[in-house]
Each structure stands twice: as structure tokens, then as C-alpha cells.
Amino acid sequence: MPWLAAGDAGKVDLVYYQATGYSGNPETAPITVPWKVVMAQSLTAATTAPGFSYTTVNPVVHHGGVCEGGALCTGNRDLLDDFGIEASPTTGLASIIYTDDQYQNDANHQPYTVNGCTAADNDTATCRHTNVATQTSGNGIYAIPKKK
């Protein structure tokens, strides 16, 4: 489920779910397989040897199988299809929206308790919610004009 935001010539941000340490069928991944959200950025995508930098946006958003088969899906549907990325036209920095079905309570994540989600409900629809992550530093994909 990759999504791409294109900026100035040769500059792109790409986000995707990645199964850590697993390369099999996503729909049949065992419950021990953690999925994370990754952003890859290239500022040289239009060259013959584009380079990418990679950032983990959220280290665990789901464990186990993930549906990728549409109506014929056999995996879990908790990650939905509401994944995307946009870059601010004023800063060039990315904002990412993605689905998560984990109970988290730390400095970067407030606990999602609307449906009664607790740590025991990880990887279930009870904890499914939408997250937004915004890049606050680093390179953007738009050149920002200097103020006079």
C-alpha cells in the first residue's frame, strides 16, 4: 500500500507499511510479524542513480496478516485503505495519515480509548484508529523561497 507525494523536480516522499523481517504473503503473515510505517525520501529521483533516506514513522502499527486481496482478502482488514502523504507547500515537509490498531501511551502517542481500546486489544478492530504524523525537521520536497 505505497503512497507517493511529488515535489520539485526529482524530489519525492514515499510512505508504505513494511513487515519487519518477513517477506512472505502479507495476508498469511503470522501474528509474530510486526508492521511499521516507513517514509522514504529522494531528493535526486530524476537522476540515473537516485538515493533514498528512510525513516520509521511508527515502529509497530499491526501484527500478523494484512489484507491486500480486495474482495477476495484472506488477511486482516484493520489497516484499511486510508493511507496517504502530502507535503506542505509552505515548508515542503510531509504529513502522513495511516491506520494503526495498537494501544500506545508514550510521549509521541496518546492512548486511543474511544472504543475501550486497552493493551489487551492490540491487533483488533477495537483499537483501530487513524494516526497523523507530521515531519518537523529535515529536508522538504519543495524549495521554499527566501523571505525578503
Protein backbone atom coordinates (compact mmCIF):
# COMPACT_ATOMS: atom_id res chain seq x y z
CA MET A 1 0.00 0.00 0.00
CA PRO A 2 2.55 2.64 -1.00
CA TRP A 3 1.69 6.32 -1.46
CA LEU A 4 3.81 8.99 -3.11
CA ALA A 5 4.00 12.78 -2.91
CA ALA A 6 5.95 14.56 -5.65
CA GLY A 7 7.51 17.98 -5.08
CA ASP A 8 10.01 19.96 -7.09
CA ALA A 9 11.78 18.17 -9.97
CA GLY A 10 13.33 14.95 -8.72
CA LYS A 11 12.02 15.23 -5.15
CA VAL A 12 9.59 12.64 -3.76
CA ASP A 13 8.32 11.29 -0.46
CA LEU A 14 7.12 7.68 -0.43
CA VAL A 15 5.32 6.03 2.51
CA TYR A 16 4.41 2.38 2.99
CA TYR A 17 3.69 -0.35 5.53
CA GLN A 18 6.65 -2.71 6.00
CA ALA A 19 6.58 -6.13 7.61
CA THR A 20 9.70 -6.30 9.72
CA GLY A 21 11.77 -9.41 8.93
CA TYR A 22 9.07 -11.07 6.79
CA SER A 23 8.97 -11.49 3.01
CA GLY A 24 6.09 -13.95 2.52
CA ASN A 25 2.44 -13.44 1.61
CA PRO A 26 1.20 -10.38 3.59
CA GLU A 27 -2.23 -11.95 4.07
CA THR A 28 -0.83 -15.02 5.83
CA ALA A 29 1.86 -13.35 7.95
CA PRO A 30 1.98 -14.91 11.42
CA ILE A 31 0.86 -12.84 14.43
CA THR A 32 4.53 -12.52 15.43
CA VAL A 33 5.25 -10.29 12.40
CA PRO A 34 5.19 -6.56 13.26
CA TRP A 35 4.24 -3.99 10.63
CA LYS A 36 5.59 -0.45 10.69
CA VAL A 37 5.13 2.78 8.73
CA VAL A 38 8.19 3.93 6.76
CA MET A 39 8.87 7.11 4.80
CA ALA A 40 11.48 7.05 2.05
CA GLN A 41 12.60 10.38 0.60
CA SER A 42 14.61 11.07 -2.52
CA LEU A 43 15.91 14.49 -3.47
CA THR A 44 17.59 13.00 -6.56
CA ALA A 45 14.82 10.82 -8.02
CA ALA A 46 15.29 12.25 -11.54
CA THR A 47 18.91 11.10 -11.77
CA THR A 48 20.28 7.81 -13.08
CA ALA A 49 21.25 6.77 -9.54
CA PRO A 50 18.58 8.16 -7.19
CA GLY A 51 19.28 7.87 -3.49
CA PHE A 52 16.73 7.46 -0.71
CA SER A 53 16.81 8.18 3.00
CA TYR A 54 14.49 6.09 5.20
CA THR A 55 12.69 7.00 8.41
CA THR A 56 10.50 4.80 10.59
CA VAL A 57 7.38 6.86 11.24
CA ASN A 58 5.79 4.41 13.69
CA PRO A 59 7.62 1.21 14.71
CA VAL A 60 4.54 -1.01 15.24
CA VAL A 61 1.06 -0.40 13.81
CA HIS A 62 -0.11 -4.03 13.47
CA HIS A 63 0.96 -7.66 13.95
CA GLY A 64 0.08 -10.57 11.65
CA GLY A 65 -1.71 -10.79 8.31
CA VAL A 66 -2.72 -7.74 6.27
CA CYS A 67 -5.38 -7.74 3.55
CA GLU A 68 -4.13 -6.92 0.07
CA GLY A 69 -6.58 -9.02 -1.93
CA GLY A 70 -9.56 -6.69 -2.18
CA ALA A 71 -12.89 -8.55 -2.09
CA LEU A 72 -11.03 -11.88 -2.04
CA CYS A 73 -8.99 -10.91 1.02
CA THR A 74 -7.99 -13.60 3.48
CA GLY A 75 -5.92 -11.36 5.78
CA ASN A 76 -6.83 -8.89 8.49
CA ARG A 77 -8.53 -5.66 7.33
CA ASP A 78 -7.58 -3.48 10.33
CA LEU A 79 -5.16 -1.28 8.34
CA LEU A 80 -7.94 -0.21 5.95
CA ASP A 81 -7.03 1.84 2.86
CA ASP A 82 -6.74 5.33 4.36
CA PHE A 83 -3.01 5.68 3.89
CA GLY A 84 -1.50 8.76 2.29
CA ILE A 85 1.05 11.55 2.29
CA GLU A 86 1.10 15.23 1.33
CA ALA A 87 3.84 17.84 1.54
CA SER A 88 3.16 21.35 2.79
CA PRO A 89 3.53 23.93 0.02
CA THR A 90 4.93 26.41 2.59
CA THR A 91 7.51 24.16 4.30
CA GLY A 92 7.94 21.21 1.93
CA LEU A 93 7.65 18.88 4.95
CA ALA A 94 5.47 15.77 4.91
CA SER A 95 2.26 14.91 6.73
CA ILE A 96 1.31 11.24 6.74
CA ILE A 97 -2.06 9.68 7.54
CA TYR A 98 -2.26 5.97 8.30
CA THR A 99 -4.22 3.35 10.22
CA ASP A 100 -2.99 1.77 13.43
CA ASP A 101 -4.54 -0.94 15.65
CA GLN A 102 -2.18 -0.68 18.63
CA TYR A 103 -2.70 0.73 22.10
CA GLN A 104 0.15 3.17 22.66
CA ASN A 105 0.74 5.54 25.56
CA ASP A 106 4.04 7.36 25.26
CA ALA A 107 5.44 10.82 24.51
CA ASN A 108 4.57 10.51 20.79
CA HIS A 109 1.25 8.65 21.06
CA GLN A 110 -1.71 9.34 23.28
CA PRO A 111 -3.78 6.25 24.10
CA TYR A 112 -6.72 5.60 21.79
CA THR A 113 -9.58 4.76 24.13
CA VAL A 114 -12.69 5.73 22.16
CA ASN A 115 -13.79 2.11 21.65
CA GLY A 116 -12.44 0.98 25.01
CA CYS A 117 -9.05 0.06 23.50
CA THR A 118 -6.57 -1.34 26.00
CA ALA A 119 -3.20 -3.04 25.53
CA ALA A 120 -5.06 -6.38 25.53
CA ASP A 121 -6.96 -5.27 22.39
CA ASN A 122 -3.88 -4.76 20.18
CA ASP A 123 -4.30 -6.06 16.63
CA THR A 124 -8.10 -5.91 16.77
CA ALA A 125 -10.71 -3.56 15.34
CA THR A 126 -11.34 -2.31 18.90
CA CYS A 127 -8.03 -0.42 18.73
CA ARG A 128 -8.23 0.55 15.02
CA HIS A 129 -7.81 4.30 14.54
CA THR A 130 -6.29 6.87 12.21
CA ASN A 131 -2.95 8.48 13.04
CA VAL A 132 -1.33 11.58 11.58
CA ALA A 133 2.44 12.12 11.66
CA THR A 134 4.00 15.39 10.57
CA GLN A 135 7.64 15.87 9.64
CA THR A 136 9.08 18.67 11.78
CA SER A 137 12.66 18.84 10.52
CA GLY A 138 14.94 17.69 7.75
CA ASN A 139 14.57 18.14 4.02
CA GLY A 140 11.31 19.04 2.35
CA ILE A 141 10.41 18.27 -1.26
CA TYR A 142 9.67 21.89 -2.23
CA ALA A 143 12.17 24.73 -2.44
CA ILE A 144 10.91 27.44 -0.12
CA PRO A 145 11.51 30.98 -1.37
CA LYS A 146 13.63 33.11 0.94
CA LYS A 147 11.83 35.98 2.68
CA LYS A 148 12.97 39.48 1.75
